[in-house]
Amino acid sequence: MNAEDDLRPGRPSTSHTEEPVARVREIIRADRCRTIREVAEDVGITFGTCQKILTEDLQMRRVSAKFVPHLPTAEQKDDRVSICTDLRERAQKI
């Protein structure tokens, strides 16, 4: 008895590969206020696939009309520290 799946007719899913994921990442980083529908149209994938890429692959969620990562990257943390330090120094000078 063979426990492996038999080949099925039909085309495999090609919209959920590295290329669309990279394109979605670029578009969202350039403009975080874009809607899922706009991003999906630009990349040429379906709404559901785009939503899955954003939420599962890129681990982003919608917050106040912006896509943000669940956890900030090291670069984002460094940017926040430098901005806060700069603001604190400005406030102390006044």
N, C-alpha and C. Protein backbone atom coordinates (compact mmCIF):
# COMPACT_ATOMS: atom_id res chain seq x y z
N MET A 1 0.85 -1.17 0.00
CA MET A 1 0.00 0.00 0.00
C MET A 1 0.90 1.24 0.00
N ASN A 2 0.54 2.23 -0.81
CA ASN A 2 1.31 3.47 -0.94
C ASN A 2 0.59 4.59 -0.20
N ALA A 3 1.28 5.30 0.67
CA ALA A 3 0.66 6.37 1.47
C ALA A 3 0.89 7.75 0.88
N GLU A 4 1.58 7.85 -0.25
CA GLU A 4 1.85 9.14 -0.87
C GLU A 4 0.67 9.60 -1.72
N ASP A 5 0.51 10.91 -1.86
CA ASP A 5 -0.57 11.46 -2.67
C ASP A 5 -0.29 11.23 -4.15
N ASP A 6 -1.37 10.98 -4.88
CA ASP A 6 -1.25 10.86 -6.33
C ASP A 6 -1.20 12.26 -6.94
N LEU A 7 -0.59 12.39 -8.10
CA LEU A 7 -0.56 13.66 -8.80
C LEU A 7 -1.97 14.04 -9.22
N ARG A 8 -2.27 15.32 -9.12
CA ARG A 8 -3.59 15.80 -9.50
C ARG A 8 -3.46 16.71 -10.71
N PRO A 9 -4.47 16.72 -11.55
CA PRO A 9 -4.41 17.64 -12.69
C PRO A 9 -4.61 19.07 -12.22
N GLY A 10 -4.09 20.00 -12.96
CA GLY A 10 -4.27 21.40 -12.61
C GLY A 10 -2.95 22.09 -12.40
N ARG A 11 -3.04 23.36 -12.35
CA ARG A 11 -1.85 24.19 -12.22
C ARG A 11 -1.57 24.47 -10.75
N PRO A 12 -0.32 24.35 -10.32
CA PRO A 12 0.00 24.67 -8.93
C PRO A 12 -0.08 26.18 -8.69
N SER A 13 -0.27 26.56 -7.47
CA SER A 13 -0.35 27.97 -7.12
C SER A 13 1.00 28.63 -7.33
N THR A 14 1.03 29.72 -8.10
CA THR A 14 2.29 30.41 -8.37
C THR A 14 2.30 31.82 -7.81
N SER A 15 1.18 32.27 -7.24
CA SER A 15 1.12 33.64 -6.76
C SER A 15 1.74 33.80 -5.38
N HIS A 16 1.98 32.70 -4.69
CA HIS A 16 2.53 32.78 -3.33
C HIS A 16 3.99 32.30 -3.34
N THR A 17 4.83 33.00 -4.12
CA THR A 17 6.25 32.69 -4.18
C THR A 17 7.03 33.88 -3.64
N GLU A 18 8.34 33.80 -3.69
CA GLU A 18 9.18 34.86 -3.15
C GLU A 18 9.04 36.18 -3.90
N GLU A 19 8.82 36.13 -5.21
CA GLU A 19 8.72 37.38 -5.98
C GLU A 19 7.56 38.26 -5.54
N PRO A 20 6.32 37.76 -5.46
CA PRO A 20 5.23 38.62 -4.98
C PRO A 20 5.43 39.08 -3.53
N VAL A 21 6.01 38.23 -2.69
CA VAL A 21 6.24 38.61 -1.30
C VAL A 21 7.20 39.80 -1.26
N ALA A 22 8.25 39.75 -2.05
CA ALA A 22 9.23 40.84 -2.09
C ALA A 22 8.60 42.11 -2.63
N ARG A 23 7.76 41.98 -3.66
CA ARG A 23 7.12 43.17 -4.24
C ARG A 23 6.13 43.79 -3.26
N VAL A 24 5.38 42.97 -2.55
CA VAL A 24 4.44 43.48 -1.54
C VAL A 24 5.22 44.20 -0.45
N ARG A 25 6.32 43.62 -0.01
CA ARG A 25 7.16 44.23 1.04
C ARG A 25 7.65 45.61 0.58
N GLU A 26 8.12 45.71 -0.66
CA GLU A 26 8.62 46.99 -1.19
C GLU A 26 7.52 48.04 -1.23
N ILE A 27 6.34 47.66 -1.71
CA ILE A 27 5.23 48.60 -1.84
C ILE A 27 4.78 49.11 -0.47
N ILE A 28 4.66 48.21 0.50
CA ILE A 28 4.21 48.60 1.83
C ILE A 28 5.25 49.47 2.52
N ARG A 29 6.53 49.16 2.35
CA ARG A 29 7.57 50.00 2.98
C ARG A 29 7.62 51.39 2.37
N ALA A 30 7.29 51.48 1.08
CA ALA A 30 7.30 52.79 0.42
C ALA A 30 6.12 53.64 0.87
N ASP A 31 4.95 53.02 1.05
CA ASP A 31 3.75 53.76 1.44
C ASP A 31 2.89 52.86 2.31
N ARG A 32 2.97 53.03 3.63
CA ARG A 32 2.24 52.17 4.56
C ARG A 32 0.75 52.45 4.61
N CYS A 33 0.28 53.50 3.98
CA CYS A 33 -1.14 53.83 4.01
C CYS A 33 -1.91 53.21 2.85
N ARG A 34 -1.29 52.37 2.06
CA ARG A 34 -1.96 51.73 0.93
C ARG A 34 -2.92 50.66 1.44
N THR A 35 -3.99 50.44 0.70
CA THR A 35 -4.94 49.39 1.07
C THR A 35 -4.49 48.06 0.49
N ILE A 36 -5.04 46.99 1.03
CA ILE A 36 -4.69 45.66 0.53
C ILE A 36 -5.10 45.54 -0.93
N ARG A 37 -6.26 46.09 -1.26
CA ARG A 37 -6.74 46.02 -2.64
C ARG A 37 -5.79 46.72 -3.60
N GLU A 38 -5.28 47.90 -3.22
CA GLU A 38 -4.35 48.63 -4.08
C GLU A 38 -3.04 47.86 -4.26
N VAL A 39 -2.53 47.29 -3.19
CA VAL A 39 -1.29 46.52 -3.27
C VAL A 39 -1.50 45.29 -4.16
N ALA A 40 -2.62 44.60 -3.97
CA ALA A 40 -2.92 43.40 -4.77
C ALA A 40 -3.00 43.74 -6.25
N GLU A 41 -3.62 44.86 -6.59
CA GLU A 41 -3.73 45.27 -8.00
C GLU A 41 -2.36 45.59 -8.58
N ASP A 42 -1.52 46.27 -7.80
CA ASP A 42 -0.18 46.63 -8.28
C ASP A 42 0.69 45.40 -8.52
N VAL A 43 0.58 44.43 -7.63
CA VAL A 43 1.40 43.23 -7.74
C VAL A 43 0.79 42.24 -8.74
N GLY A 44 -0.53 42.28 -8.91
CA GLY A 44 -1.20 41.38 -9.84
C GLY A 44 -1.59 40.06 -9.20
N ILE A 45 -1.95 40.10 -7.91
CA ILE A 45 -2.38 38.91 -7.20
C ILE A 45 -3.77 39.17 -6.62
N THR A 46 -4.38 38.14 -6.09
CA THR A 46 -5.72 38.30 -5.54
C THR A 46 -5.66 38.97 -4.17
N PHE A 47 -6.79 39.49 -3.74
CA PHE A 47 -6.91 40.17 -2.45
C PHE A 47 -6.53 39.22 -1.31
N GLY A 48 -7.06 38.00 -1.35
CA GLY A 48 -6.79 37.02 -0.29
C GLY A 48 -5.33 36.64 -0.20
N THR A 49 -4.68 36.47 -1.35
CA THR A 49 -3.26 36.13 -1.36
C THR A 49 -2.44 37.27 -0.80
N CYS A 50 -2.78 38.50 -1.16
CA CYS A 50 -2.08 39.67 -0.66
C CYS A 50 -2.26 39.79 0.85
N GLN A 51 -3.47 39.56 1.32
CA GLN A 51 -3.74 39.62 2.76
C GLN A 51 -2.95 38.54 3.51
N LYS A 52 -2.86 37.35 2.93
CA LYS A 52 -2.11 36.26 3.55
C LYS A 52 -0.62 36.60 3.60
N ILE A 53 -0.08 37.18 2.53
CA ILE A 53 1.33 37.58 2.50
C ILE A 53 1.60 38.60 3.59
N LEU A 54 0.72 39.60 3.72
CA LEU A 54 0.93 40.65 4.71
C LEU A 54 0.85 40.12 6.13
N THR A 55 -0.13 39.29 6.41
CA THR A 55 -0.35 38.85 7.79
C THR A 55 0.52 37.67 8.20
N GLU A 56 0.71 36.70 7.31
CA GLU A 56 1.45 35.49 7.69
C GLU A 56 2.93 35.57 7.34
N ASP A 57 3.25 35.95 6.11
CA ASP A 57 4.65 35.97 5.69
C ASP A 57 5.40 37.18 6.25
N LEU A 58 4.81 38.36 6.15
CA LEU A 58 5.47 39.57 6.61
C LEU A 58 5.12 39.91 8.05
N GLN A 59 4.20 39.16 8.64
CA GLN A 59 3.76 39.34 10.03
C GLN A 59 3.41 40.80 10.32
N MET A 60 2.57 41.37 9.49
CA MET A 60 2.11 42.74 9.68
C MET A 60 0.63 42.74 10.00
N ARG A 61 0.19 43.80 10.62
CA ARG A 61 -1.23 43.95 10.91
C ARG A 61 -1.61 45.40 10.66
N ARG A 62 -2.90 45.66 10.57
CA ARG A 62 -3.39 46.98 10.26
C ARG A 62 -3.59 47.76 11.56
N VAL A 63 -2.93 48.91 11.69
CA VAL A 63 -3.08 49.76 12.86
C VAL A 63 -3.25 51.19 12.38
N SER A 64 -4.39 51.80 12.67
CA SER A 64 -4.67 53.19 12.29
C SER A 64 -4.32 53.47 10.84
N ALA A 65 -4.83 52.66 9.96
CA ALA A 65 -4.67 52.83 8.51
C ALA A 65 -3.22 52.72 8.05
N LYS A 66 -2.39 51.99 8.80
CA LYS A 66 -1.01 51.75 8.38
C LYS A 66 -0.68 50.29 8.65
N PHE A 67 0.18 49.73 7.81
CA PHE A 67 0.67 48.38 8.07
C PHE A 67 1.95 48.51 8.87
N VAL A 68 1.99 47.86 10.00
CA VAL A 68 3.18 47.91 10.85
C VAL A 68 3.57 46.49 11.24
N PRO A 69 4.85 46.24 11.41
CA PRO A 69 5.27 44.92 11.87
C PRO A 69 4.83 44.69 13.31
N HIS A 70 4.60 43.44 13.67
CA HIS A 70 4.23 43.12 15.05
C HIS A 70 5.36 43.51 15.99
N LEU A 71 6.58 43.17 15.63
CA LEU A 71 7.74 43.51 16.44
C LEU A 71 8.65 44.40 15.61
N PRO A 72 9.10 45.52 16.15
CA PRO A 72 9.99 46.38 15.38
C PRO A 72 11.35 45.72 15.14
N THR A 73 11.93 46.04 14.00
CA THR A 73 13.25 45.51 13.68
C THR A 73 14.31 46.28 14.46
N ALA A 74 15.53 45.80 14.42
CA ALA A 74 16.63 46.47 15.12
C ALA A 74 16.83 47.88 14.57
N GLU A 75 16.69 48.02 13.27
CA GLU A 75 16.83 49.34 12.64
C GLU A 75 15.74 50.30 13.13
N GLN A 76 14.51 49.81 13.22
CA GLN A 76 13.40 50.64 13.69
C GLN A 76 13.60 51.03 15.16
N LYS A 77 14.11 50.12 15.97
CA LYS A 77 14.38 50.43 17.37
C LYS A 77 15.46 51.51 17.48
N ASP A 78 16.52 51.39 16.68
CA ASP A 78 17.58 52.40 16.69
C ASP A 78 17.06 53.75 16.25
N ASP A 79 16.19 53.77 15.23
CA ASP A 79 15.59 55.03 14.77
C ASP A 79 14.77 55.68 15.88
N ARG A 80 13.99 54.89 16.58
CA ARG A 80 13.16 55.43 17.67
C ARG A 80 14.02 56.01 18.78
N VAL A 81 15.10 55.31 19.12
CA VAL A 81 16.00 55.80 20.17
C VAL A 81 16.63 57.12 19.76
N SER A 82 17.11 57.21 18.53
CA SER A 82 17.75 58.45 18.08
C SER A 82 16.76 59.61 18.02
N ILE A 83 15.55 59.35 17.58
CA ILE A 83 14.52 60.40 17.51
C ILE A 83 14.15 60.87 18.91
N CYS A 84 13.96 59.94 19.84
CA CYS A 84 13.59 60.31 21.21
C CYS A 84 14.72 61.08 21.90
N THR A 85 15.94 60.66 21.66
CA THR A 85 17.09 61.36 22.23
C THR A 85 17.17 62.78 21.69
N ASP A 86 16.95 62.92 20.39
CA ASP A 86 16.96 64.23 19.74
C ASP A 86 15.86 65.14 20.32
N LEU A 87 14.66 64.58 20.48
CA LEU A 87 13.56 65.37 21.02
C LEU A 87 13.82 65.78 22.47
N ARG A 88 14.41 64.88 23.27
CA ARG A 88 14.71 65.19 24.66
C ARG A 88 15.75 66.32 24.75
N GLU A 89 16.76 66.26 23.88
CA GLU A 89 17.78 67.31 23.87
C GLU A 89 17.18 68.66 23.47
N ARG A 90 16.29 68.65 22.51
CA ARG A 90 15.62 69.89 22.09
C ARG A 90 14.79 70.47 23.24
N ALA A 91 14.08 69.60 23.96
CA ALA A 91 13.22 70.04 25.06
C ALA A 91 14.07 70.62 26.19
N GLN A 92 15.23 70.06 26.44
CA GLN A 92 16.09 70.54 27.52
C GLN A 92 16.72 71.90 27.19
N LYS A 93 16.90 72.19 25.91
CA LYS A 93 17.49 73.47 25.50
C LYS A 93 16.51 74.61 25.65
N ILE A 94 15.24 74.32 25.64
CA ILE A 94 14.23 75.37 25.70
C ILE A 94 13.98 75.84 27.09
